Structures are given as structure tokens and as C-alpha cells.
Amino acid sequence: MIRYLYEKDLRLMKYTILTSTKHDETVRAIGRHLDMTDAKLRRAMIRRLDMSLLENLGSRWEMGLKHADDGDPLAEELGRELFTRFIPLLDTETMQSIYNETRSMMKEGSSTDEALARGKARVREAILS
């Protein structure tokens, strides 16, 4: 019986990519940005991203930091474009909902730090679900 590549479980290959030196540095940087442990982030990336995205993770991260959400500090802090377009860990609708909710909290009088903490917590929760 012939076994095709798409029938194989690629989790070990994805894990190997994510733990290589350059990729591990990127995973740690993303984890710091999201206040998330490396292990949980790797698990989410293995589940959500394909091999080509993982192979190019470092360049996508660097380009996202330079070009995502220019001029909107709240969007930059939450990673609105960074985690939907450059490193697609969330779908656009979910991220936009989190962004809108966080902005509303700030307009309603919540402190910026509190609103951002809640927004980032929702981003983490959405990535892990």
C-alpha cells in the first residue's frame, strides 16, 4: 500500500522546525509578546500553521513587526495584523472583535493597562482554543 505525505502525521516535523535555533528564538519572542509559555505557543502553532508558514516564521515575524498596524498603538500591542495576516494564529473576525472590545473598554473609562491586559488575555485564549 502506498502512503502519501498528506496522510502522515506532521507534528514531529513541525516540532523539529520550531525547536531549531533560529525558529526557537522567534517562538520565544512571540511568546514574550503574548505573555505565553513557549510550550503552549508551539502546540498552537503546530495545530494551526502549515509547514511553509513554520519554515518562514522568522521572516514573517520580522516583517510583521516592521509593517503591521502602523500608527495604531492598540492594534500593535494586540497584534491585530501581526497575528492574523503575518502569522495567522487567529482569524480576522475574532481579532477584530477583541480589538473592538478593548477599544470600547478604554472609551468607557478602563485604564489603558487594564484594557490591554484583558485584550491580550482574550488573544491568548483565542489562540489556545
N, C-alpha and C. Protein backbone atom coordinates (compact mmCIF):
# COMPACT_ATOMS: atom_id res chain seq x y z
N MET A 1 0.84 -1.17 0.00
CA MET A 1 0.00 0.00 0.00
C MET A 1 0.89 1.25 0.00
N ILE A 2 0.56 2.19 -0.84
CA ILE A 2 1.31 3.43 -0.95
C ILE A 2 0.78 4.42 0.09
N ARG A 3 1.70 5.05 0.83
CA ARG A 3 1.31 6.06 1.82
C ARG A 3 1.75 7.41 1.30
N TYR A 4 0.82 8.32 1.19
CA TYR A 4 1.10 9.65 0.70
C TYR A 4 1.48 10.57 1.84
N LEU A 5 2.24 11.61 1.53
CA LEU A 5 2.71 12.55 2.53
C LEU A 5 1.56 13.18 3.31
N TYR A 6 0.47 13.53 2.63
CA TYR A 6 -0.63 14.20 3.33
C TYR A 6 -1.34 13.28 4.31
N GLU A 7 -1.07 11.98 4.24
CA GLU A 7 -1.66 11.04 5.18
C GLU A 7 -0.83 10.92 6.45
N LYS A 8 0.39 11.43 6.44
CA LYS A 8 1.28 11.30 7.57
C LYS A 8 0.99 12.35 8.63
N ASP A 9 1.33 12.03 9.85
CA ASP A 9 1.22 12.96 10.95
C ASP A 9 2.49 13.83 10.93
N LEU A 10 2.34 15.11 10.71
CA LEU A 10 3.48 16.01 10.54
C LEU A 10 3.86 16.73 11.82
N ARG A 11 3.23 16.38 12.95
CA ARG A 11 3.51 17.09 14.19
C ARG A 11 4.98 17.02 14.59
N LEU A 12 5.62 15.88 14.44
CA LEU A 12 7.03 15.77 14.82
C LEU A 12 7.91 16.63 13.92
N MET A 13 7.62 16.67 12.63
CA MET A 13 8.39 17.52 11.72
C MET A 13 8.19 18.99 12.05
N LYS A 14 6.96 19.38 12.37
CA LYS A 14 6.68 20.77 12.74
C LYS A 14 7.40 21.13 14.04
N TYR A 15 7.38 20.21 15.00
CA TYR A 15 8.07 20.45 16.27
C TYR A 15 9.57 20.62 16.04
N THR A 16 10.13 19.81 15.17
CA THR A 16 11.55 19.90 14.85
C THR A 16 11.88 21.27 14.26
N ILE A 17 11.03 21.77 13.38
CA ILE A 17 11.24 23.10 12.82
C ILE A 17 11.21 24.15 13.92
N LEU A 18 10.19 24.10 14.78
CA LEU A 18 10.00 25.12 15.80
C LEU A 18 11.09 25.11 16.88
N THR A 19 11.78 23.99 17.05
CA THR A 19 12.82 23.92 18.07
C THR A 19 14.22 24.14 17.51
N SER A 20 14.32 24.36 16.20
CA SER A 20 15.63 24.70 15.63
C SER A 20 16.03 26.07 16.17
N THR A 21 17.31 26.36 16.15
CA THR A 21 17.85 27.55 16.81
C THR A 21 17.15 28.84 16.42
N LYS A 22 17.10 29.14 15.14
CA LYS A 22 16.51 30.40 14.67
C LYS A 22 15.02 30.46 14.97
N HIS A 23 14.32 29.37 14.72
CA HIS A 23 12.88 29.34 14.95
C HIS A 23 12.56 29.41 16.45
N ASP A 24 13.40 28.79 17.27
CA ASP A 24 13.17 28.82 18.71
C ASP A 24 13.26 30.25 19.23
N GLU A 25 14.21 31.03 18.72
CA GLU A 25 14.33 32.43 19.11
C GLU A 25 13.06 33.20 18.75
N THR A 26 12.53 32.93 17.57
CA THR A 26 11.30 33.60 17.13
C THR A 26 10.12 33.19 17.99
N VAL A 27 10.00 31.91 18.28
CA VAL A 27 8.91 31.43 19.14
C VAL A 27 8.98 32.11 20.51
N ARG A 28 10.17 32.22 21.05
CA ARG A 28 10.34 32.87 22.36
C ARG A 28 9.95 34.35 22.30
N ALA A 29 10.30 35.03 21.20
CA ALA A 29 9.94 36.44 21.04
C ALA A 29 8.42 36.61 20.93
N ILE A 30 7.79 35.74 20.17
CA ILE A 30 6.33 35.79 20.05
C ILE A 30 5.69 35.50 21.40
N GLY A 31 6.22 34.51 22.11
CA GLY A 31 5.71 34.18 23.44
C GLY A 31 5.82 35.35 24.40
N ARG A 32 6.93 36.06 24.35
CA ARG A 32 7.08 37.26 25.20
C ARG A 32 6.05 38.32 24.84
N HIS A 33 5.83 38.50 23.56
CA HIS A 33 4.85 39.50 23.11
C HIS A 33 3.44 39.15 23.60
N LEU A 34 3.13 37.86 23.62
CA LEU A 34 1.79 37.42 24.02
C LEU A 34 1.69 37.05 25.50
N ASP A 35 2.81 37.11 26.22
CA ASP A 35 2.85 36.64 27.62
C ASP A 35 2.38 35.20 27.70
N MET A 36 2.93 34.36 26.85
CA MET A 36 2.52 32.96 26.74
C MET A 36 3.76 32.07 26.84
N THR A 37 3.60 30.90 27.44
CA THR A 37 4.74 29.99 27.53
C THR A 37 5.09 29.43 26.16
N ASP A 38 6.35 29.10 25.99
CA ASP A 38 6.83 28.58 24.70
C ASP A 38 6.12 27.28 24.32
N ALA A 39 5.93 26.40 25.29
CA ALA A 39 5.31 25.10 25.01
C ALA A 39 3.88 25.25 24.50
N LYS A 40 3.10 26.11 25.14
CA LYS A 40 1.72 26.32 24.71
C LYS A 40 1.68 26.97 23.33
N LEU A 41 2.58 27.91 23.10
CA LEU A 41 2.63 28.57 21.80
C LEU A 41 3.03 27.58 20.71
N ARG A 42 4.03 26.76 20.97
CA ARG A 42 4.43 25.74 19.98
C ARG A 42 3.28 24.82 19.65
N ARG A 43 2.55 24.37 20.68
CA ARG A 43 1.42 23.47 20.46
C ARG A 43 0.38 24.13 19.57
N ALA A 44 0.08 25.40 19.82
CA ALA A 44 -0.89 26.12 18.99
C ALA A 44 -0.39 26.29 17.56
N MET A 45 0.90 26.59 17.40
CA MET A 45 1.46 26.76 16.07
C MET A 45 1.45 25.45 15.29
N ILE A 46 1.77 24.36 15.95
CA ILE A 46 1.75 23.06 15.29
C ILE A 46 0.34 22.74 14.81
N ARG A 47 -0.64 23.07 15.62
CA ARG A 47 -2.03 22.77 15.28
C ARG A 47 -2.56 23.70 14.19
N ARG A 48 -2.18 24.98 14.20
CA ARG A 48 -2.80 25.97 13.32
C ARG A 48 -2.04 26.29 12.03
N LEU A 49 -0.72 26.14 12.03
CA LEU A 49 0.08 26.60 10.89
C LEU A 49 0.59 25.43 10.07
N ASP A 50 0.73 25.66 8.76
CA ASP A 50 1.27 24.61 7.90
C ASP A 50 2.80 24.70 7.84
N MET A 51 3.39 23.74 7.17
CA MET A 51 4.85 23.64 7.13
C MET A 51 5.50 24.88 6.51
N SER A 52 4.94 25.41 5.44
CA SER A 52 5.58 26.56 4.78
C SER A 52 5.54 27.79 5.68
N LEU A 53 4.45 27.99 6.42
CA LEU A 53 4.40 29.11 7.36
C LEU A 53 5.44 28.93 8.46
N LEU A 54 5.58 27.72 8.96
CA LEU A 54 6.55 27.47 10.02
C LEU A 54 7.98 27.67 9.53
N GLU A 55 8.26 27.24 8.32
CA GLU A 55 9.61 27.40 7.77
C GLU A 55 9.99 28.87 7.66
N ASN A 56 9.01 29.72 7.37
CA ASN A 56 9.26 31.15 7.17
C ASN A 56 8.87 31.99 8.38
N LEU A 57 8.77 31.39 9.53
CA LEU A 57 8.29 32.07 10.72
C LEU A 57 9.14 33.28 11.09
N GLY A 58 10.45 33.15 11.05
CA GLY A 58 11.34 34.25 11.41
C GLY A 58 11.15 35.47 10.53
N SER A 59 11.10 35.26 9.22
CA SER A 59 10.92 36.41 8.32
C SER A 59 9.54 37.02 8.45
N ARG A 60 8.53 36.18 8.65
CA ARG A 60 7.17 36.70 8.83
C ARG A 60 7.08 37.55 10.10
N TRP A 61 7.73 37.10 11.17
CA TRP A 61 7.75 37.83 12.43
C TRP A 61 8.42 39.20 12.24
N GLU A 62 9.60 39.19 11.61
CA GLU A 62 10.33 40.44 11.40
C GLU A 62 9.55 41.41 10.52
N MET A 63 8.97 40.92 9.44
CA MET A 63 8.18 41.78 8.56
C MET A 63 6.94 42.30 9.27
N GLY A 64 6.31 41.45 10.07
CA GLY A 64 5.13 41.88 10.81
C GLY A 64 5.45 42.97 11.81
N LEU A 65 6.59 42.84 12.49
CA LEU A 65 6.97 43.88 13.45
C LEU A 65 7.21 45.22 12.76
N LYS A 66 7.73 45.17 11.54
CA LYS A 66 8.02 46.40 10.81
C LYS A 66 6.79 47.01 10.16
N HIS A 67 5.87 46.18 9.66
CA HIS A 67 4.82 46.70 8.79
C HIS A 67 3.40 46.52 9.29
N ALA A 68 3.17 45.79 10.35
CA ALA A 68 1.79 45.55 10.80
C ALA A 68 1.30 46.71 11.64
N ASP A 69 0.05 47.08 11.44
CA ASP A 69 -0.66 48.05 12.27
C ASP A 69 0.08 49.37 12.47
N ASP A 70 0.68 49.88 11.41
CA ASP A 70 1.41 51.15 11.52
C ASP A 70 0.49 52.26 12.01
N GLY A 71 0.91 52.93 13.07
CA GLY A 71 0.21 54.10 13.55
C GLY A 71 -0.91 53.86 14.53
N ASP A 72 -1.26 52.63 14.83
CA ASP A 72 -2.32 52.34 15.79
C ASP A 72 -1.71 51.58 16.97
N PRO A 73 -1.40 52.27 18.07
CA PRO A 73 -0.72 51.63 19.19
C PRO A 73 -1.49 50.46 19.80
N LEU A 74 -2.82 50.57 19.87
CA LEU A 74 -3.62 49.48 20.42
C LEU A 74 -3.54 48.25 19.53
N ALA A 75 -3.67 48.45 18.22
CA ALA A 75 -3.57 47.33 17.27
C ALA A 75 -2.19 46.69 17.32
N GLU A 76 -1.15 47.51 17.44
CA GLU A 76 0.21 46.98 17.54
C GLU A 76 0.38 46.14 18.80
N GLU A 77 -0.13 46.65 19.91
CA GLU A 77 0.02 45.94 21.19
C GLU A 77 -0.72 44.60 21.17
N LEU A 78 -1.91 44.57 20.58
CA LEU A 78 -2.68 43.33 20.49
C LEU A 78 -2.19 42.42 19.37
N GLY A 79 -1.50 43.00 18.39
CA GLY A 79 -1.03 42.21 17.25
C GLY A 79 -2.14 41.95 16.25
N ARG A 80 -2.97 42.97 16.01
CA ARG A 80 -4.14 42.78 15.15
C ARG A 80 -3.77 42.23 13.78
N GLU A 81 -2.87 42.86 13.07
CA GLU A 81 -2.44 42.35 11.76
C GLU A 81 -1.34 41.30 11.91
N LEU A 82 -0.51 41.46 12.91
CA LEU A 82 0.61 40.55 13.12
C LEU A 82 0.14 39.11 13.26
N PHE A 83 -0.92 38.89 14.05
CA PHE A 83 -1.38 37.53 14.31
C PHE A 83 -2.58 37.10 13.49
N THR A 84 -2.94 37.91 12.48
CA THR A 84 -3.96 37.48 11.53
C THR A 84 -3.41 37.40 10.11
N ARG A 85 -2.52 38.32 9.78
CA ARG A 85 -2.00 38.38 8.41
C ARG A 85 -0.59 37.81 8.28
N PHE A 86 0.31 38.21 9.14
CA PHE A 86 1.70 37.79 9.01
C PHE A 86 1.93 36.40 9.62
N ILE A 87 1.42 36.18 10.82
CA ILE A 87 1.48 34.87 11.47
C ILE A 87 0.05 34.52 11.85
N PRO A 88 -0.68 33.87 10.96
CA PRO A 88 -2.13 33.71 11.14
C PRO A 88 -2.52 32.70 12.23
N LEU A 89 -2.40 33.15 13.46
CA LEU A 89 -2.81 32.31 14.59
C LEU A 89 -4.29 32.51 14.93
N LEU A 90 -4.87 33.61 14.46
CA LEU A 90 -6.28 33.92 14.70
C LEU A 90 -6.95 34.32 13.39
N ASP A 91 -8.26 34.09 13.32
CA ASP A 91 -8.98 34.59 12.15
C ASP A 91 -9.27 36.08 12.35
N THR A 92 -9.47 36.77 11.27
CA THR A 92 -9.64 38.23 11.29
C THR A 92 -10.85 38.66 12.12
N GLU A 93 -11.95 37.93 12.03
CA GLU A 93 -13.17 38.31 12.75
C GLU A 93 -12.96 38.25 14.25
N THR A 94 -12.31 37.20 14.74
CA THR A 94 -12.06 37.07 16.17
C THR A 94 -11.16 38.19 16.66
N MET A 95 -10.10 38.47 15.92
CA MET A 95 -9.18 39.53 16.33
C MET A 95 -9.87 40.89 16.30
N GLN A 96 -10.69 41.15 15.29
CA GLN A 96 -11.38 42.43 15.21
C GLN A 96 -12.35 42.59 16.38
N SER A 97 -12.99 41.51 16.77
CA SER A 97 -13.89 41.54 17.93
C SER A 97 -13.12 41.88 19.21
N ILE A 98 -11.96 41.27 19.40
CA ILE A 98 -11.13 41.56 20.57
C ILE A 98 -10.66 43.01 20.54
N TYR A 99 -10.24 43.47 19.38
CA TYR A 99 -9.79 44.85 19.22
C TYR A 99 -10.91 45.83 19.57
N ASN A 100 -12.10 45.60 19.02
CA ASN A 100 -13.23 46.49 19.27
C ASN A 100 -13.62 46.50 20.75
N GLU A 101 -13.62 45.32 21.36
CA GLU A 101 -13.96 45.23 22.78
C GLU A 101 -12.94 45.98 23.65
N THR A 102 -11.67 45.83 23.32
CA THR A 102 -10.62 46.52 24.07
C THR A 102 -10.73 48.03 23.90
N ARG A 103 -10.97 48.48 22.69
CA ARG A 103 -11.13 49.91 22.43
C ARG A 103 -12.34 50.44 23.20
N SER A 104 -13.44 49.69 23.23
CA SER A 104 -14.64 50.10 23.97
C SER A 104 -14.35 50.21 25.46
N MET A 105 -13.59 49.26 25.99
CA MET A 105 -13.24 49.31 27.41
C MET A 105 -12.47 50.59 27.73
N MET A 106 -11.57 50.97 26.83
CA MET A 106 -10.78 52.17 27.05
C MET A 106 -11.65 53.43 26.98
N LYS A 107 -12.61 53.44 26.06
CA LYS A 107 -13.51 54.59 25.93
C LYS A 107 -14.45 54.70 27.12
N GLU A 108 -14.79 53.56 27.72
CA GLU A 108 -15.72 53.55 28.85
C GLU A 108 -15.03 53.86 30.17
N GLY A 109 -13.75 54.13 30.15
CA GLY A 109 -13.08 54.59 31.35
C GLY A 109 -12.09 53.61 31.98
N SER A 110 -11.96 52.42 31.45
CA SER A 110 -10.96 51.49 31.97
C SER A 110 -9.57 52.05 31.68
N SER A 111 -8.63 51.77 32.55
CA SER A 111 -7.27 52.23 32.30
C SER A 111 -6.71 51.50 31.08
N THR A 112 -5.79 52.13 30.41
CA THR A 112 -5.19 51.54 29.22
C THR A 112 -4.53 50.21 29.55
N ASP A 113 -3.80 50.17 30.68
CA ASP A 113 -3.12 48.93 31.07
C ASP A 113 -4.10 47.80 31.34
N GLU A 114 -5.19 48.11 32.01
CA GLU A 114 -6.20 47.09 32.32
C GLU A 114 -6.87 46.58 31.05
N ALA A 115 -7.24 47.50 30.17
CA ALA A 115 -7.89 47.11 28.92
C ALA A 115 -6.95 46.26 28.06
N LEU A 116 -5.68 46.67 27.98
CA LEU A 116 -4.71 45.89 27.21
C LEU A 116 -4.49 44.51 27.81
N ALA A 117 -4.43 44.43 29.12
CA ALA A 117 -4.25 43.13 29.78
C ALA A 117 -5.41 42.21 29.46
N ARG A 118 -6.63 42.74 29.52
CA ARG A 118 -7.80 41.91 29.17
C ARG A 118 -7.80 41.53 27.70
N GLY A 119 -7.45 42.48 26.84
CA GLY A 119 -7.39 42.20 25.41
C GLY A 119 -6.36 41.12 25.08
N LYS A 120 -5.17 41.24 25.67
CA LYS A 120 -4.13 40.23 25.42
C LYS A 120 -4.55 38.87 25.98
N ALA A 121 -5.24 38.88 27.10
CA ALA A 121 -5.73 37.61 27.67
C ALA A 121 -6.72 36.95 26.71
N ARG A 122 -7.57 37.76 26.09
CA ARG A 122 -8.52 37.20 25.11
C ARG A 122 -7.80 36.69 23.87
N VAL A 123 -6.75 37.38 23.45
CA VAL A 123 -5.96 36.92 22.30
C VAL A 123 -5.34 35.56 22.63
N ARG A 124 -4.71 35.45 23.82
CA ARG A 124 -4.11 34.17 24.23
C ARG A 124 -5.16 33.07 24.26
N GLU A 125 -6.30 33.37 24.85
CA GLU A 125 -7.37 32.38 24.96
C GLU A 125 -7.83 31.91 23.58
N ALA A 126 -7.98 32.86 22.66
CA ALA A 126 -8.41 32.52 21.30
C ALA A 126 -7.36 31.68 20.57
N ILE A 127 -6.09 31.99 20.77
CA ILE A 127 -5.03 31.21 20.13
C ILE A 127 -5.01 29.78 20.66
N LEU A 128 -5.22 29.63 21.95
CA LEU A 128 -5.16 28.31 22.56
C LEU A 128 -6.42 27.47 22.37
N SER A 129 -7.51 28.10 21.98
CA SER A 129 -8.76 27.32 21.83
C SER A 129 -8.81 26.57 20.52
